[in-house]
């Protein structure tokens, strides 16, 4: 567990070990998410990626596409890209 003090301006220093785990650098944005009475701090780009994946999952589900279907299609695209790039 890490502890930090709130300054008179409401600022908090994120402990170095947490910054390293989240791969946070100066200038990065963080998001504060409330879940079940707890606050989660995460790199904001992680939120955008999670929202994108949730959006894709909902649309796939609405169209009757399974996770296995998505993974199979992804593997085909990766193979095609590999072949275009390295097997000319």
PDB file of N, CA and C in Angstrom:
ATOM      1  N   UNK A   1       0.840  -1.172   0.000  1.00  0.00           N
ATOM      2  CA  UNK A   1       0.000   0.000   0.000  1.00  0.00           C
ATOM      3  C   UNK A   1       0.886   1.236   0.000  1.00  0.00           C
ATOM      4  N   UNK A   2       0.491   2.208  -0.789  1.00  0.00           N
ATOM      5  CA  UNK A   2       1.209   3.474  -0.862  1.00  0.00           C
ATOM      6  C   UNK A   2       0.317   4.575  -0.277  1.00  0.00           C
ATOM      7  N   UNK A   3       0.924   5.554   0.359  1.00  0.00           N
ATOM      8  CA  UNK A   3       0.186   6.663   0.963  1.00  0.00           C
ATOM      9  C   UNK A   3       0.775   7.973   0.461  1.00  0.00           C
ATOM     10  N   UNK A   4      -0.121   8.946   0.208  1.00  0.00           N
ATOM     11  CA  UNK A   4       0.315  10.261  -0.226  1.00  0.00           C
ATOM     12  C   UNK A   4      -0.557  11.302   0.478  1.00  0.00           C
ATOM     13  N   UNK A   5      -0.032  12.492   0.656  1.00  0.00           N
ATOM     14  CA  UNK A   5      -0.746  13.565   1.361  1.00  0.00           C
ATOM     15  C   UNK A   5      -1.318  14.547   0.336  1.00  0.00           C
ATOM     16  N   UNK A   6      -2.504  15.076   0.628  1.00  0.00           N
ATOM     17  CA  UNK A   6      -3.130  16.077  -0.230  1.00  0.00           C
ATOM     18  C   UNK A   6      -2.605  17.453   0.170  1.00  0.00           C
ATOM     19  N   UNK A   7      -2.152  18.228  -0.824  1.00  0.00           N
ATOM     20  CA  UNK A   7      -1.639  19.584  -0.552  1.00  0.00           C
ATOM     21  C   UNK A   7      -2.803  20.550  -0.341  1.00  0.00           C
ATOM     22  N   UNK A   8      -2.488  21.772   0.062  1.00  0.00           N
ATOM     23  CA  UNK A   8      -3.518  22.792   0.276  1.00  0.00           C
ATOM     24  C   UNK A   8      -4.245  23.136  -1.022  1.00  0.00           C
ATOM     25  N   UNK A   9      -3.625  22.829  -2.159  1.00  0.00           N
ATOM     26  CA  UNK A   9      -4.251  23.073  -3.464  1.00  0.00           C
ATOM     27  C   UNK A   9      -4.991  21.836  -3.989  1.00  0.00           C
ATOM     28  N   UNK A  10      -5.102  20.798  -3.166  1.00  0.00           N
ATOM     29  CA  UNK A  10      -5.804  19.578  -3.576  1.00  0.00           C
ATOM     30  C   UNK A  10      -4.966  18.660  -4.440  1.00  0.00           C
ATOM     31  N   UNK A  11      -3.665  18.883  -4.482  1.00  0.00           N
ATOM     32  CA  UNK A  11      -2.786  18.076  -5.315  1.00  0.00           C
ATOM     33  C   UNK A  11      -2.245  16.886  -4.526  1.00  0.00           C
ATOM     34  N   UNK A  12      -2.047  15.789  -5.246  1.00  0.00           N
ATOM     35  CA  UNK A  12      -1.498  14.569  -4.650  1.00  0.00           C
ATOM     36  C   UNK A  12      -0.342  14.096  -5.515  1.00  0.00           C
ATOM     37  N   UNK A  13       0.738  13.703  -4.879  1.00  0.00           N
ATOM     38  CA  UNK A  13       1.855  13.114  -5.616  1.00  0.00           C
ATOM     39  C   UNK A  13       1.614  11.615  -5.728  1.00  0.00           C
ATOM     40  N   UNK A  14       1.656  11.107  -6.951  1.00  0.00           N
ATOM     41  CA  UNK A  14       1.499   9.668  -7.155  1.00  0.00           C
ATOM     42  C   UNK A  14       2.843   9.016  -6.851  1.00  0.00           C
ATOM     43  N   UNK A  15       2.884   8.082  -5.917  1.00  0.00           N
ATOM     44  CA  UNK A  15       4.154   7.452  -5.542  1.00  0.00           C
ATOM     45  C   UNK A  15       4.872   6.835  -6.752  1.00  0.00           C
ATOM     46  N   UNK A  16       6.187   6.877  -6.705  1.00  0.00           N
ATOM     47  CA  UNK A  16       7.012   6.392  -7.822  1.00  0.00           C
ATOM     48  C   UNK A  16       6.677   4.964  -8.213  1.00  0.00           C
ATOM     49  N   UNK A  17       6.479   4.083  -7.241  1.00  0.00           N
ATOM     50  CA  UNK A  17       6.194   2.678  -7.569  1.00  0.00           C
ATOM     51  C   UNK A  17       4.882   2.543  -8.352  1.00  0.00           C
ATOM     52  N   UNK A  18       3.905   3.381  -8.033  1.00  0.00           N
ATOM     53  CA  UNK A  18       2.629   3.353  -8.752  1.00  0.00           C
ATOM     54  C   UNK A  18       2.806   3.928 -10.158  1.00  0.00           C
ATOM     55  N   UNK A  19       3.543   5.043 -10.268  1.00  0.00           N
ATOM     56  CA  UNK A  19       3.813   5.624 -11.593  1.00  0.00           C
ATOM     57  C   UNK A  19       4.514   4.617 -12.496  1.00  0.00           C
ATOM     58  N   UNK A  20       5.453   3.871 -11.933  1.00  0.00           N
ATOM     59  CA  UNK A  20       6.176   2.877 -12.721  1.00  0.00           C
ATOM     60  C   UNK A  20       5.251   1.746 -13.162  1.00  0.00           C
ATOM     61  N   UNK A  21       4.390   1.268 -12.247  1.00  0.00           N
ATOM     62  CA  UNK A  21       3.466   0.182 -12.597  1.00  0.00           C
ATOM     63  C   UNK A  21       2.480   0.609 -13.674  1.00  0.00           C
ATOM     64  N   UNK A  22       2.021   1.850 -13.621  1.00  0.00           N
ATOM     65  CA  UNK A  22       1.071   2.353 -14.616  1.00  0.00           C
ATOM     66  C   UNK A  22       1.761   2.930 -15.843  1.00  0.00           C
ATOM     67  N   UNK A  23       3.089   2.972 -15.816  1.00  0.00           N
ATOM     68  CA  UNK A  23       3.889   3.541 -16.905  1.00  0.00           C
ATOM     69  C   UNK A  23       3.460   4.987 -17.173  1.00  0.00           C
ATOM     70  N   UNK A  24       3.366   5.753 -16.087  1.00  0.00           N
ATOM     71  CA  UNK A  24       3.005   7.162 -16.170  1.00  0.00           C
ATOM     72  C   UNK A  24       4.249   8.030 -16.271  1.00  0.00           C
ATOM     73  N   UNK A  25       4.208   8.991 -17.169  1.00  0.00           N
ATOM     74  CA  UNK A  25       5.295   9.946 -17.328  1.00  0.00           C
ATOM     75  C   UNK A  25       4.737  11.355 -17.143  1.00  0.00           C
ATOM     76  N   UNK A  26       5.623  12.313 -16.949  1.00  0.00           N
ATOM     77  CA  UNK A  26       5.207  13.705 -16.810  1.00  0.00           C
ATOM     78  C   UNK A  26       4.355  14.092 -18.015  1.00  0.00           C
ATOM     79  N   UNK A  27       3.232  14.743 -17.760  1.00  0.00           N
ATOM     80  CA  UNK A  27       2.341  15.177 -18.830  1.00  0.00           C
ATOM     81  C   UNK A  27       1.242  14.183 -19.166  1.00  0.00           C
ATOM     82  N   UNK A  28       1.359  12.932 -18.720  1.00  0.00           N
ATOM     83  CA  UNK A  28       0.307  11.950 -18.970  1.00  0.00           C
ATOM     84  C   UNK A  28      -0.957  12.347 -18.221  1.00  0.00           C
ATOM     85  N   UNK A  29      -2.084  11.949 -18.750  1.00  0.00           N
ATOM     86  CA  UNK A  29      -3.354  12.191 -18.084  1.00  0.00           C
ATOM     87  C   UNK A  29      -3.773  10.926 -17.345  1.00  0.00           C
ATOM     88  N   UNK A  30      -4.393  11.127 -16.179  1.00  0.00           N
ATOM     89  CA  UNK A  30      -4.924  10.004 -15.417  1.00  0.00           C
ATOM     90  C   UNK A  30      -6.430  10.185 -15.284  1.00  0.00           C
ATOM     91  N   UNK A  31      -7.116   9.066 -15.148  1.00  0.00           N
ATOM     92  CA  UNK A  31      -8.568   9.082 -14.961  1.00  0.00           C
ATOM     93  C   UNK A  31      -8.880   8.570 -13.569  1.00  0.00           C
ATOM     94  N   UNK A  32      -9.915   9.148 -12.967  1.00  0.00           N
ATOM     95  CA  UNK A  32     -10.386   8.739 -11.652  1.00  0.00           C
ATOM     96  C   UNK A  32     -11.754   8.109 -11.853  1.00  0.00           C
ATOM     97  N   UNK A  33     -11.894   6.839 -11.513  1.00  0.00           N
ATOM     98  CA  UNK A  33     -13.134   6.103 -11.723  1.00  0.00           C
ATOM     99  C   UNK A  33     -13.670   5.654 -10.373  1.00  0.00           C
ATOM    100  N   UNK A  34     -14.945   5.928 -10.133  1.00  0.00           N
ATOM    101  CA  UNK A  34     -15.568   5.471  -8.892  1.00  0.00           C
ATOM    102  C   UNK A  34     -16.297   4.159  -9.166  1.00  0.00           C
ATOM    103  N   UNK A  35     -15.953   3.131  -8.395  1.00  0.00           N
ATOM    104  CA  UNK A  35     -16.599   1.823  -8.506  1.00  0.00           C
ATOM    105  C   UNK A  35     -16.821   1.267  -7.112  1.00  0.00           C
ATOM    106  N   UNK A  36     -18.065   1.007  -6.778  1.00  0.00           N
ATOM    107  CA  UNK A  36     -18.419   0.389  -5.494  1.00  0.00           C
ATOM    108  C   UNK A  36     -17.810   1.123  -4.305  1.00  0.00           C
ATOM    109  N   UNK A  37     -17.882   2.442  -4.319  1.00  0.00           N
ATOM    110  CA  UNK A  37     -17.388   3.231  -3.199  1.00  0.00           C
ATOM    111  C   UNK A  37     -15.881   3.372  -3.135  1.00  0.00           C
ATOM    112  N   UNK A  38     -15.183   2.921  -4.176  1.00  0.00           N
ATOM    113  CA  UNK A  38     -13.730   3.049  -4.231  1.00  0.00           C
ATOM    114  C   UNK A  38     -13.365   3.889  -5.449  1.00  0.00           C
ATOM    115  N   UNK A  39     -12.213   4.534  -5.373  1.00  0.00           N
ATOM    116  CA  UNK A  39     -11.716   5.321  -6.501  1.00  0.00           C
ATOM    117  C   UNK A  39     -10.541   4.569  -7.123  1.00  0.00           C
ATOM    118  N   UNK A  40     -10.615   4.405  -8.420  1.00  0.00           N
ATOM    119  CA  UNK A  40      -9.548   3.750  -9.175  1.00  0.00           C
ATOM    120  C   UNK A  40      -8.852   4.827  -9.996  1.00  0.00           C
ATOM    121  N   UNK A  41      -7.534   4.854  -9.927  1.00  0.00           N
ATOM    122  CA  UNK A  41      -6.750   5.792 -10.732  1.00  0.00           C
ATOM    123  C   UNK A  41      -6.043   4.976 -11.805  1.00  0.00           C
ATOM    124  N   UNK A  42      -6.188   5.402 -13.050  1.00  0.00           N
ATOM    125  CA  UNK A  42      -5.562   4.682 -14.151  1.00  0.00           C
ATOM    126  C   UNK A  42      -5.136   5.669 -15.233  1.00  0.00           C
ATOM    127  N   UNK A  43      -4.269   5.228 -16.092  1.00  0.00           N
ATOM    128  CA  UNK A  43      -3.843   6.041 -17.228  1.00  0.00           C
ATOM    129  C   UNK A  43      -5.055   6.244 -18.131  1.00  0.00           C
ATOM    130  N   UNK A  44      -5.312   7.472 -18.536  1.00  0.00           N
ATOM    131  CA  UNK A  44      -6.543   7.754 -19.279  1.00  0.00           C
ATOM    132  C   UNK A  44      -6.600   7.025 -20.618  1.00  0.00           C
ATOM    133  N   UNK A  45      -5.462   6.759 -21.237  1.00  0.00           N
ATOM    134  CA  UNK A  45      -5.480   6.022 -22.505  1.00  0.00           C
ATOM    135  C   UNK A  45      -6.013   4.611 -22.313  1.00  0.00           C
ATOM    136  N   UNK A  46      -5.850   4.059 -21.108  1.00  0.00           N
ATOM    137  CA  UNK A  46      -6.389   2.736 -20.802  1.00  0.00           C
ATOM    138  C   UNK A  46      -7.905   2.762 -20.862  1.00  0.00           C
ATOM    139  N   UNK A  47      -8.493   3.861 -20.393  1.00  0.00           N
ATOM    140  CA  UNK A  47      -9.951   4.004 -20.404  1.00  0.00           C
ATOM    141  C   UNK A  47     -10.464   4.041 -21.838  1.00  0.00           C
ATOM    142  N   UNK A  48      -9.813   4.809 -22.685  1.00  0.00           N
ATOM    143  CA  UNK A  48     -10.235   4.907 -24.083  1.00  0.00           C
ATOM    144  C   UNK A  48     -10.181   3.547 -24.748  1.00  0.00           C
ATOM    145  N   UNK A  49      -9.133   2.789 -24.482  1.00  0.00           N
ATOM    146  CA  UNK A  49      -8.995   1.462 -25.072  1.00  0.00           C
ATOM    147  C   UNK A  49     -10.082   0.531 -24.556  1.00  0.00           C
ATOM    148  N   UNK A  50     -10.352   0.573 -23.244  1.00  0.00           N
ATOM    149  CA  UNK A  50     -11.395  -0.273 -22.662  1.00  0.00           C
ATOM    150  C   UNK A  50     -12.759   0.065 -23.260  1.00  0.00           C
ATOM    151  N   UNK A  51     -13.051   1.361 -23.412  1.00  0.00           N
ATOM    152  CA  UNK A  51     -14.328   1.774 -23.997  1.00  0.00           C
ATOM    153  C   UNK A  51     -14.451   1.303 -25.437  1.00  0.00           C
ATOM    154  N   UNK A  52     -13.344   1.336 -26.182  1.00  0.00           N
ATOM    155  CA  UNK A  52     -13.356   0.847 -27.555  1.00  0.00           C
ATOM    156  C   UNK A  52     -13.674  -0.642 -27.592  1.00  0.00           C
ATOM    157  N   UNK A  53     -13.001  -1.427 -26.741  1.00  0.00           N
ATOM    158  CA  UNK A  53     -13.241  -2.870 -26.704  1.00  0.00           C
ATOM    159  C   UNK A  53     -14.683  -3.184 -26.301  1.00  0.00           C
ATOM    160  N   UNK A  54     -15.225  -2.454 -25.329  1.00  0.00           N
ATOM    161  CA  UNK A  54     -16.610  -2.668 -24.912  1.00  0.00           C
ATOM    162  C   UNK A  54     -17.574  -2.345 -26.038  1.00  0.00           C
ATOM    163  N   UNK A  55     -17.287  -1.286 -26.792  1.00  0.00           N
ATOM    164  CA  UNK A  55     -18.120  -0.908 -27.923  1.00  0.00           C
ATOM    165  C   UNK A  55     -18.109  -1.992 -29.000  1.00  0.00           C
ATOM    166  N   UNK A  56     -16.934  -2.505 -29.315  1.00  0.00           N
ATOM    167  CA  UNK A  56     -16.811  -3.573 -30.313  1.00  0.00           C
ATOM    168  C   UNK A  56     -17.542  -4.824 -29.833  1.00  0.00           C
ATOM    169  N   UNK A  57     -17.388  -5.157 -28.552  1.00  0.00           N
ATOM    170  CA  UNK A  57     -18.032  -6.350 -28.002  1.00  0.00           C
ATOM    171  C   UNK A  57     -19.554  -6.243 -28.081  1.00  0.00           C
ATOM    172  N   UNK A  58     -20.099  -5.070 -27.758  1.00  0.00           N
ATOM    173  CA  UNK A  58     -21.554  -4.882 -27.822  1.00  0.00           C
ATOM    174  C   UNK A  58     -22.066  -5.012 -29.249  1.00  0.00           C
ATOM    175  N   UNK A  59     -21.342  -4.394 -30.179  1.00  0.00           N
ATOM    176  CA  UNK A  59     -21.769  -4.464 -31.570  1.00  0.00           C
ATOM    177  C   UNK A  59     -21.663  -5.890 -32.100  1.00  0.00           C
ATOM    178  N   UNK A  60     -20.602  -6.586 -31.742  1.00  0.00           N
ATOM    179  CA  UNK A  60     -20.440  -7.970 -32.178  1.00  0.00           C
ATOM    180  C   UNK A  60     -21.564  -8.837 -31.612  1.00  0.00           C
ATOM    181  N   UNK A  61     -21.862  -8.641 -30.333  1.00  0.00           N
ATOM    182  CA  UNK A  61     -22.925  -9.421 -29.697  1.00  0.00           C
ATOM    183  C   UNK A  61     -24.270  -9.163 -30.381  1.00  0.00           C
ATOM    184  N   UNK A  62     -24.538  -7.914 -30.715  1.00  0.00           N
ATOM    185  CA  UNK A  62     -25.788  -7.565 -31.384  1.00  0.00           C
ATOM    186  C   UNK A  62     -25.906  -8.229 -32.751  1.00  0.00           C
ATOM    187  N   UNK A  63     -24.757  -8.471 -33.379  1.00  0.00           N
ATOM    188  CA  UNK A  63     -24.751  -9.107 -34.702  1.00  0.00           C
ATOM    189  C   UNK A  63     -24.567 -10.616 -34.621  1.00  0.00           C
ATOM    190  N   UNK A  64     -24.511 -11.156 -33.393  1.00  0.00           N
ATOM    191  CA  UNK A  64     -24.372 -12.604 -33.229  1.00  0.00           C
ATOM    192  C   UNK A  64     -22.964 -13.117 -33.468  1.00  0.00           C
ATOM    193  N   UNK A  65     -21.978 -12.254 -33.372  1.00  0.00           N
ATOM    194  CA  UNK A  65     -20.583 -12.647 -33.572  1.00  0.00           C
ATOM    195  C   UNK A  65     -19.992 -13.020 -32.216  1.00  0.00           C
ATOM    196  N   UNK A  66     -19.360 -14.173 -32.133  1.00  0.00           N
ATOM    197  CA  UNK A  66     -18.785 -14.631 -30.870  1.00  0.00           C
ATOM    198  C   UNK A  66     -17.353 -14.130 -30.715  1.00  0.00           C
ATOM    199  N   UNK A  67     -16.850 -14.227 -29.496  1.00  0.00           N
ATOM    200  CA  UNK A  67     -15.460 -13.872 -29.235  1.00  0.00           C
ATOM    201  C   UNK A  67     -14.520 -14.744 -30.050  1.00  0.00           C
ATOM    202  N   UNK A  68     -14.883 -16.010 -30.199  1.00  0.00           N
ATOM    203  CA  UNK A  68     -14.056 -16.927 -30.999  1.00  0.00           C
ATOM    204  C   UNK A  68     -14.018 -16.480 -32.460  1.00  0.00           C
ATOM    205  N   UNK A  69     -15.167 -16.027 -32.983  1.00  0.00           N
ATOM    206  CA  UNK A  69     -15.207 -15.512 -34.361  1.00  0.00           C
ATOM    207  C   UNK A  69     -14.257 -14.323 -34.520  1.00  0.00           C
ATOM    208  N   UNK A  70     -14.295 -13.408 -33.537  1.00  0.00           N
ATOM    209  CA  UNK A  70     -13.419 -12.237 -33.592  1.00  0.00           C
ATOM    210  C   UNK A  70     -11.950 -12.628 -33.564  1.00  0.00           C
ATOM    211  N   UNK A  71     -11.608 -13.572 -32.689  1.00  0.00           N
ATOM    212  CA  UNK A  71     -10.212 -14.016 -32.603  1.00  0.00           C
ATOM    213  C   UNK A  71      -9.760 -14.695 -33.889  1.00  0.00           C
ATOM    214  N   UNK A  72     -10.626 -15.495 -34.483  1.00  0.00           N
ATOM    215  CA  UNK A  72     -10.283 -16.150 -35.745  1.00  0.00           C
ATOM    216  C   UNK A  72     -10.060 -15.125 -36.855  1.00  0.00           C
ATOM    217  N   UNK A  73     -10.954 -14.119 -36.921  1.00  0.00           N
ATOM    218  CA  UNK A  73     -10.789 -13.069 -37.933  1.00  0.00           C
ATOM    219  C   UNK A  73      -9.511 -12.267 -37.699  1.00  0.00           C
ATOM    220  N   UNK A  74      -9.217 -11.988 -36.438  1.00  0.00           N
ATOM    221  CA  UNK A  74      -7.999 -11.262 -36.096  1.00  0.00           C
ATOM    222  C   UNK A  74      -6.764 -12.039 -36.537  1.00  0.00           C
ATOM    223  N   UNK A  75      -6.779 -13.335 -36.303  1.00  0.00           N
ATOM    224  CA  UNK A  75      -5.634 -14.179 -36.699  1.00  0.00           C
ATOM    225  C   UNK A  75      -5.450 -14.154 -38.218  1.00  0.00           C
ATOM    226  N   UNK A  76      -6.551 -14.170 -38.969  1.00  0.00           N
ATOM    227  CA  UNK A  76      -6.467 -14.105 -40.434  1.00  0.00           C
ATOM    228  C   UNK A  76      -5.850 -12.777 -40.876  1.00  0.00           C
ATOM    229  N   UNK A  77      -6.292 -11.688 -40.266  1.00  0.00           N
ATOM    230  CA  UNK A  77      -5.767 -10.364 -40.624  1.00  0.00           C
ATOM    231  C   UNK A  77      -4.283 -10.284 -40.289  1.00  0.00           C
ATOM    232  N   UNK A  78      -3.891 -10.791 -39.125  1.00  0.00           N
ATOM    233  CA  UNK A  78      -2.464 -10.780 -38.751  1.00  0.00           C
ATOM    234  C   UNK A  78      -1.630 -11.557 -39.761  1.00  0.00           C
ATOM    235  N   UNK A  79      -2.151 -12.715 -40.160  1.00  0.00           N
ATOM    236  CA  UNK A  79      -1.407 -13.537 -41.127  1.00  0.00           C
ATOM    237  C   UNK A  79      -1.281 -12.820 -42.466  1.00  0.00           C
ATOM    238  N   UNK A  80      -2.374 -12.183 -42.917  1.00  0.00           N
ATOM    239  CA  UNK A  80      -2.335 -11.437 -44.175  1.00  0.00           C
ATOM    240  C   UNK A  80      -1.331 -10.291 -44.103  1.00  0.00           C
ATOM    241  N   UNK A  81      -1.344  -9.573 -42.980  1.00  0.00           N
ATOM    242  CA  UNK A  81      -0.404  -8.461 -42.822  1.00  0.00           C
ATOM    243  C   UNK A  81       1.032  -8.960 -42.787  1.00  0.00           C
ATOM    244  N   UNK A  82       1.270 -10.062 -42.089  1.00  0.00           N
ATOM    245  CA  UNK A  82       2.601 -10.653 -42.024  1.00  0.00           C
ATOM    246  C   UNK A  82       3.078 -11.016 -43.428  1.00  0.00           C
ATOM    247  N   UNK A  83       2.202 -11.672 -44.196  1.00  0.00           N
ATOM    248  CA  UNK A  83       2.562 -12.101 -45.540  1.00  0.00           C
ATOM    249  C   UNK A  83       2.833 -10.907 -46.453  1.00  0.00           C
ATOM    250  N   UNK A  84       2.043  -9.854 -46.317  1.00  0.00           N
ATOM    251  CA  UNK A  84       2.268  -8.659 -47.141  1.00  0.00           C
ATOM    252  C   UNK A  84       3.589  -7.994 -46.797  1.00  0.00           C
ATOM    253  N   UNK A  85       3.921  -7.989 -45.529  1.00  0.00           N
ATOM    254  CA  UNK A  85       5.098  -7.255 -45.071  1.00  0.00           C
ATOM    255  C   UNK A  85       6.391  -8.054 -45.254  1.00  0.00           C
ATOM    256  N   UNK A  86       6.360  -9.375 -44.971  1.00  0.00           N
ATOM    257  CA  UNK A  86       7.616 -10.117 -44.885  1.00  0.00           C
ATOM    258  C   UNK A  86       7.786 -11.238 -45.906  1.00  0.00           C
ATOM    259  N   UNK A  87       6.752 -11.616 -46.595  1.00  0.00           N
ATOM    260  CA  UNK A  87       6.865 -12.738 -47.543  1.00  0.00           C
ATOM    261  C   UNK A  87       6.605 -12.290 -48.967  1.00  0.00           C
ATOM    262  N   UNK A  88       7.309 -11.251 -49.369  1.00  0.00           N
ATOM    263  CA  UNK A  88       7.105 -10.728 -50.731  1.00  0.00           C
ATOM    264  C   UNK A  88       7.824 -11.535 -51.747  1.00  0.00           C
TER     265      UNK A  88
END
